[in-house]
Amino acid sequence: MSERAEILDKFGRFDFGFDFGGPVKTPESPASYGENDSVLRNTVAPRFQPVDAETLYSDAHGYGWASAGERTSEAIPLAPYLEVRAVKMSPVNLPHDVLYRDFIRGKGTQIFRVKATPGEYKVHILHPDRSDTITDWRTDGEFLDIRFPEGEWSVSGLVIQGPRSKVPLDPQVFPKLLPRPAITHHPTMSAIEGEPIALKIRIAPQTNVTRIRLHYRPLNQKAQFKTIENTAGQQSFTIPGEDISANWDLMYYFEILNQGGSGWFHPNPQAGTVMRE
């Protein structure tokens, strides 16, 4: 979090951010447990797009190298899978300084192209020593062509500030905080494979409650949560028998939504969880 705050303090808002380094694999599915962004993109700084020496410009991406040239990627290794998933004791290789530690080394004038609206832009060219070269650019067309200098160069990334970064942000709207009602539920401590489980929750008062959701899945991190939603007055739920397996314990929790656009969880994660010994 300190590194995110440092980058935000230094650059603020920007139209485009590119993190130069080694190739980054694209997750096949956002729901994939073993191949999601936290696993495959933990060498890429938040808010930045990955760029390597072979990232050529295409209209689909809207950015990339628009000229040939001598350049190589200097990558940093992905943080180990078990550390990213927070299951390794005493992790020592968590992602850190990912914006500056990797870079692209090149030689000679080369052009990096970005699809951009006409206007004036301030380009920060970031170097591995954490310095940056700032240049002003203007485009009257649909591309912003950033020209890299003659000679040898090493670049960790680009921060491009333009018209979009100057547009005022919409005011933040926070949900109205409503008092938490009394919520009672007696956890089910056992189940029989293939037989449904009946669950009841009691909420009083129900004045501000709009809906109640039950989320459940096997105690298997590769499994996806299933959800059953009821109206506020319907406080009984049934988990189908086909979702009960002798191979896995079952985990579940309730989500109570309210008229203020927020809600509560039960068990309350701030007060602990209910576990079967």
Protein backbone atom coordinates (compact mmCIF):
# COMPACT_ATOMS: atom_id res chain seq x y z
CA MET A 1 0.00 0.00 0.00
CA SER A 2 2.88 2.40 0.71
CA GLU A 3 4.15 1.98 -2.86
CA ARG A 4 0.68 2.68 -4.29
CA ALA A 5 0.47 5.81 -2.14
CA GLU A 6 3.93 6.90 -3.30
CA ILE A 7 2.98 6.60 -6.97
CA LEU A 8 -0.31 8.40 -6.38
CA ASP A 9 1.44 11.22 -4.52
CA LYS A 10 4.07 11.57 -7.25
CA PHE A 11 1.91 11.42 -10.35
CA GLY A 12 -1.67 11.87 -9.21
CA ARG A 13 -4.19 11.08 -11.92
CA PHE A 14 -3.07 10.20 -15.43
CA ASP A 15 -4.60 9.25 -18.76
CA PHE A 16 -2.26 6.30 -19.45
CA GLY A 17 0.25 4.30 -17.45
CA PHE A 18 2.56 1.66 -18.93
CA ASP A 19 4.81 -0.64 -16.91
CA PHE A 20 7.76 -1.82 -19.05
CA GLY A 21 9.23 -5.27 -18.38
CA GLY A 22 8.87 -8.90 -19.34
CA PRO A 23 5.90 -10.57 -21.06
CA VAL A 24 2.77 -11.00 -18.96
CA LYS A 25 0.37 -13.87 -19.49
CA THR A 26 -3.30 -12.98 -19.84
CA PRO A 27 -5.69 -14.90 -17.55
CA GLU A 28 -7.91 -17.26 -19.53
CA SER A 29 -10.82 -16.53 -17.19
CA PRO A 30 -11.26 -13.84 -14.49
CA ALA A 31 -12.76 -16.57 -12.29
CA SER A 32 -9.74 -18.87 -12.59
CA TYR A 33 -8.31 -19.61 -9.15
CA GLY A 34 -4.79 -20.42 -10.29
CA GLU A 35 -4.50 -17.94 -13.16
CA ASN A 36 -6.00 -14.61 -12.18
CA ASP A 37 -4.47 -11.12 -12.21
CA SER A 38 -2.96 -11.41 -8.73
CA VAL A 39 -1.07 -14.53 -9.82
CA LEU A 40 -0.09 -13.65 -13.40
CA ARG A 41 0.22 -9.85 -13.19
CA ASN A 42 1.94 -9.34 -9.85
CA THR A 43 4.93 -7.80 -11.66
CA VAL A 44 2.70 -5.00 -13.02
CA ALA A 45 2.01 -1.86 -11.02
CA PRO A 46 -1.66 -1.14 -10.25
CA ARG A 47 -3.30 1.27 -12.75
CA PHE A 48 -0.62 0.40 -15.36
CA GLN A 49 -0.70 -1.74 -18.49
CA PRO A 50 2.15 -4.20 -19.13
CA VAL A 51 4.49 -3.59 -22.07
CA ASP A 52 7.41 -5.77 -23.19
CA ALA A 53 9.92 -5.49 -26.02
CA GLU A 54 7.57 -7.35 -28.39
CA THR A 55 4.38 -5.39 -27.63
CA LEU A 56 3.69 -3.98 -31.08
CA TYR A 57 1.02 -1.35 -31.67
CA SER A 58 -2.46 -2.54 -32.59
CA ASP A 59 -5.78 -0.73 -32.70
CA ALA A 60 -7.23 -3.43 -30.43
CA HIS A 61 -4.83 -2.56 -27.61
CA GLY A 62 -4.42 1.10 -28.51
CA TYR A 63 -0.73 1.17 -27.59
CA GLY A 64 2.62 -0.45 -28.43
CA TRP A 65 5.85 -0.06 -30.37
CA ALA A 66 5.27 1.53 -33.77
CA SER A 67 8.81 1.07 -35.07
CA ALA A 68 11.38 -1.67 -35.20
CA GLY A 69 14.55 -1.36 -33.18
CA GLU A 70 17.03 -2.94 -30.83
CA ARG A 71 15.32 -3.55 -27.50
CA THR A 72 15.17 -6.31 -24.87
CA SER A 73 12.98 -6.91 -21.83
CA GLU A 74 14.59 -7.05 -18.40
CA ALA A 75 11.98 -8.92 -16.38
CA ILE A 76 11.51 -9.64 -12.70
CA PRO A 77 10.17 -13.03 -11.59
CA LEU A 78 6.56 -13.47 -10.57
CA ALA A 79 5.99 -13.64 -6.84
CA PRO A 80 5.57 -17.33 -5.90
CA TYR A 81 2.06 -18.69 -6.20
CA LEU A 82 1.83 -19.84 -2.56
CA GLU A 83 2.92 -16.44 -1.27
CA VAL A 84 0.42 -14.56 -3.42
CA ARG A 85 -2.34 -16.89 -2.17
CA ALA A 86 -1.22 -16.20 1.42
CA VAL A 87 -0.74 -19.85 2.31
CA LYS A 88 3.05 -19.88 2.82
CA MET A 89 4.55 -19.30 6.22
CA SER A 90 6.92 -16.30 6.42
CA PRO A 91 6.73 -15.05 2.82
CA VAL A 92 9.88 -13.30 1.61
CA ASN A 93 9.18 -12.67 -2.10
CA LEU A 94 5.93 -10.72 -2.13
CA PRO A 95 5.54 -8.21 -4.98
CA HIS A 96 7.48 -5.01 -4.36
CA ASP A 97 8.77 -2.06 -6.38
CA VAL A 98 7.25 -3.61 -9.50
CA LEU A 99 7.12 -0.34 -11.45
CA TYR A 100 10.87 0.34 -11.40
CA ARG A 101 12.64 -3.02 -10.97
CA ASP A 102 11.80 -4.30 -14.46
CA PHE A 103 12.43 -2.30 -17.61
CA ILE A 104 13.14 -2.36 -21.34
CA ARG A 105 16.69 -1.75 -22.54
CA GLY A 106 17.00 -0.25 -26.00
CA LYS A 107 19.26 1.54 -28.44
CA GLY A 108 18.50 4.19 -30.99
CA THR A 109 15.45 6.24 -31.84
CA GLN A 110 12.24 4.26 -31.49
CA ILE A 111 8.58 5.24 -31.35
CA PHE A 112 6.01 4.13 -28.79
CA ARG A 113 2.49 4.89 -30.02
CA VAL A 114 -0.64 5.50 -27.96
CA LYS A 115 -4.13 6.01 -29.33
CA ALA A 116 -5.13 9.37 -27.83
CA THR A 117 -7.54 12.23 -28.37
CA PRO A 118 -6.16 15.54 -29.67
CA GLY A 119 -4.66 17.74 -26.99
CA GLU A 120 -1.60 18.53 -24.92
CA TYR A 121 0.13 15.82 -22.90
CA LYS A 122 2.85 15.65 -20.29
CA VAL A 123 4.88 12.45 -20.59
CA HIS A 124 6.96 11.07 -17.72
CA ILE A 125 9.58 8.59 -18.95
CA LEU A 126 10.47 6.50 -15.90
CA HIS A 127 13.96 5.09 -15.39
CA PRO A 128 15.13 2.14 -13.24
CA ASP A 129 16.97 4.52 -10.87
CA ARG A 130 13.50 6.00 -10.02
CA SER A 131 14.19 9.23 -11.89
CA ASP A 132 11.93 10.45 -14.66
CA THR A 133 12.37 12.57 -17.77
CA ILE A 134 9.42 14.90 -18.38
CA THR A 135 8.53 16.08 -21.86
CA ASP A 136 5.56 17.96 -23.31
CA TRP A 137 3.79 16.60 -26.38
CA ARG A 138 0.85 17.63 -28.48
CA THR A 139 -1.20 15.62 -30.93
CA ASP A 140 -3.75 16.92 -33.42
CA GLY A 141 -4.58 13.48 -34.73
CA GLU A 142 -5.53 10.18 -33.14
CA PHE A 143 -2.06 9.06 -32.06
CA LEU A 144 0.48 10.21 -29.53
CA ASP A 145 3.91 9.12 -30.80
CA ILE A 146 6.55 9.18 -28.07
CA ARG A 147 10.04 9.21 -29.56
CA PHE A 148 12.81 7.52 -27.61
CA PRO A 149 16.24 9.18 -27.94
CA GLU A 150 19.38 8.23 -29.84
CA GLY A 151 21.94 6.17 -27.99
CA GLU A 152 21.32 3.61 -25.28
CA TRP A 153 18.36 3.93 -22.91
CA SER A 154 16.58 1.98 -20.17
CA VAL A 155 12.94 2.75 -19.39
CA SER A 156 10.79 1.28 -16.62
CA GLY A 157 7.54 2.80 -17.81
CA LEU A 158 5.52 5.76 -18.99
CA VAL A 159 3.06 8.01 -17.21
CA ILE A 160 1.03 10.17 -19.60
CA GLN A 161 -1.10 13.03 -18.28
CA GLY A 162 -3.52 14.68 -20.65
CA PRO A 163 -7.09 15.96 -21.00
CA ARG A 164 -8.74 13.08 -19.16
CA SER A 165 -6.63 13.54 -16.03
CA LYS A 166 -7.89 17.13 -15.76
CA VAL A 167 -11.59 16.30 -15.89
CA PRO A 168 -13.14 16.81 -12.43
CA LEU A 169 -14.05 13.62 -10.65
CA ASP A 170 -17.66 12.87 -9.88
CA PRO A 171 -18.40 13.53 -6.20
CA GLN A 172 -18.22 10.44 -4.04
CA VAL A 173 -21.55 9.17 -2.80
CA PHE A 174 -21.47 6.98 0.26
CA PRO A 175 -24.33 4.68 1.29
CA LYS A 176 -26.43 5.93 4.15
CA LEU A 177 -25.40 4.18 7.34
CA LEU A 178 -28.36 2.50 8.96
CA PRO A 179 -28.38 0.84 12.38
CA ARG A 180 -27.62 -2.88 12.28
CA PRO A 181 -30.67 -4.91 13.32
CA ALA A 182 -30.51 -7.87 15.66
CA ILE A 183 -29.55 -10.90 13.58
CA THR A 184 -29.91 -14.42 14.94
CA HIS A 185 -28.90 -17.69 13.31
CA HIS A 186 -28.09 -21.06 14.82
CA PRO A 187 -25.40 -22.66 12.61
CA THR A 188 -25.92 -26.13 11.25
CA MET A 189 -23.13 -28.33 12.60
CA SER A 190 -23.66 -31.48 10.51
CA ALA A 191 -25.05 -32.59 7.16
CA ILE A 192 -25.73 -35.76 5.21
CA GLU A 193 -24.40 -36.14 1.70
CA GLY A 194 -27.09 -35.64 -0.92
CA GLU A 195 -29.70 -34.34 1.53
CA PRO A 196 -30.81 -30.66 1.57
CA ILE A 197 -30.02 -28.36 4.48
CA ALA A 198 -32.68 -26.04 5.86
CA LEU A 199 -31.39 -22.79 7.35
CA LYS A 200 -33.23 -20.03 9.19
CA ILE A 201 -32.20 -16.51 10.02
CA ARG A 202 -34.09 -14.05 12.20
CA ILE A 203 -33.78 -10.29 11.65
CA ALA A 204 -35.48 -7.71 13.84
CA PRO A 205 -36.55 -5.12 13.08
CA GLN A 206 -36.98 -5.63 9.33
CA THR A 207 -37.85 -1.97 8.70
CA ASN A 208 -34.87 -1.14 6.47
CA VAL A 209 -34.13 -4.62 5.13
CA THR A 210 -34.84 -5.18 1.41
CA ARG A 211 -33.30 -8.58 0.57
CA ILE A 212 -31.42 -11.43 2.19
CA ARG A 213 -28.82 -13.51 0.38
CA LEU A 214 -27.29 -16.82 1.36
CA HIS A 215 -23.82 -17.47 -0.11
CA TYR A 216 -22.35 -20.97 0.15
CA ARG A 217 -19.74 -23.31 -1.33
CA PRO A 218 -17.69 -26.37 -0.37
CA LEU A 219 -14.59 -25.65 1.72
CA ASN A 220 -12.58 -25.84 -1.49
CA GLN A 221 -11.00 -22.64 -2.80
CA LYS A 222 -11.39 -23.79 -6.40
CA ALA A 223 -15.18 -23.97 -6.02
CA GLN A 224 -17.38 -20.97 -6.80
CA PHE A 225 -19.91 -19.54 -4.36
CA LYS A 226 -23.57 -20.11 -5.12
CA THR A 227 -26.22 -17.61 -4.00
CA ILE A 228 -29.85 -17.89 -2.98
CA GLU A 229 -31.75 -14.60 -2.64
CA ASN A 230 -34.97 -14.04 -0.68
CA THR A 231 -37.13 -11.05 0.13
CA ALA A 232 -36.86 -9.52 3.59
CA GLY A 233 -39.90 -11.38 4.86
CA GLN A 234 -38.70 -14.79 3.66
CA GLN A 235 -36.03 -15.80 6.17
CA SER A 236 -35.77 -19.53 5.48
CA PHE A 237 -33.33 -21.03 2.98
CA THR A 238 -32.69 -24.51 1.60
CA ILE A 239 -29.34 -25.61 0.21
CA PRO A 240 -30.06 -28.35 -2.39
CA GLY A 241 -28.89 -31.86 -1.63
CA GLU A 242 -26.79 -32.06 -4.79
CA ASP A 243 -24.57 -29.33 -3.31
CA ILE A 244 -23.78 -31.37 -0.19
CA SER A 245 -20.75 -33.64 -0.54
CA ALA A 246 -19.04 -35.94 1.94
CA ASN A 247 -15.70 -34.91 0.45
CA TRP A 248 -15.85 -31.30 1.65
CA ASP A 249 -17.13 -29.35 4.63
CA LEU A 250 -19.62 -26.62 3.74
CA MET A 251 -19.15 -22.91 4.37
CA TYR A 252 -21.89 -20.29 4.17
CA TYR A 253 -22.77 -16.78 5.26
CA PHE A 254 -25.68 -14.35 4.96
CA GLU A 255 -25.73 -10.94 3.30
CA ILE A 256 -28.51 -8.60 4.46
CA LEU A 257 -29.17 -5.66 2.10
CA ASN A 258 -30.87 -2.45 3.22
CA GLN A 259 -32.62 0.59 1.81
CA GLY A 260 -29.54 2.76 2.23
CA GLY A 261 -27.68 0.91 -0.51
CA SER A 262 -25.45 -0.99 1.89
CA GLY A 263 -26.00 -3.89 4.27
CA TRP A 264 -24.50 -6.31 6.78
CA PHE A 265 -22.89 -9.74 6.81
CA HIS A 266 -23.68 -12.52 9.23
CA PRO A 267 -21.48 -13.74 10.77
CA ASN A 268 -20.07 -10.24 11.14
CA PRO A 269 -16.46 -10.48 9.80
CA GLN A 270 -15.41 -7.66 12.16
CA ALA A 271 -16.52 -9.67 15.16
CA GLY A 272 -15.24 -13.12 14.07
CA THR A 273 -16.62 -16.17 12.32
CA VAL A 274 -18.54 -19.24 13.35
CA MET A 275 -16.54 -22.44 12.95
CA ARG A 276 -17.30 -26.08 13.54
CA GLU A 277 -14.66 -27.82 15.64
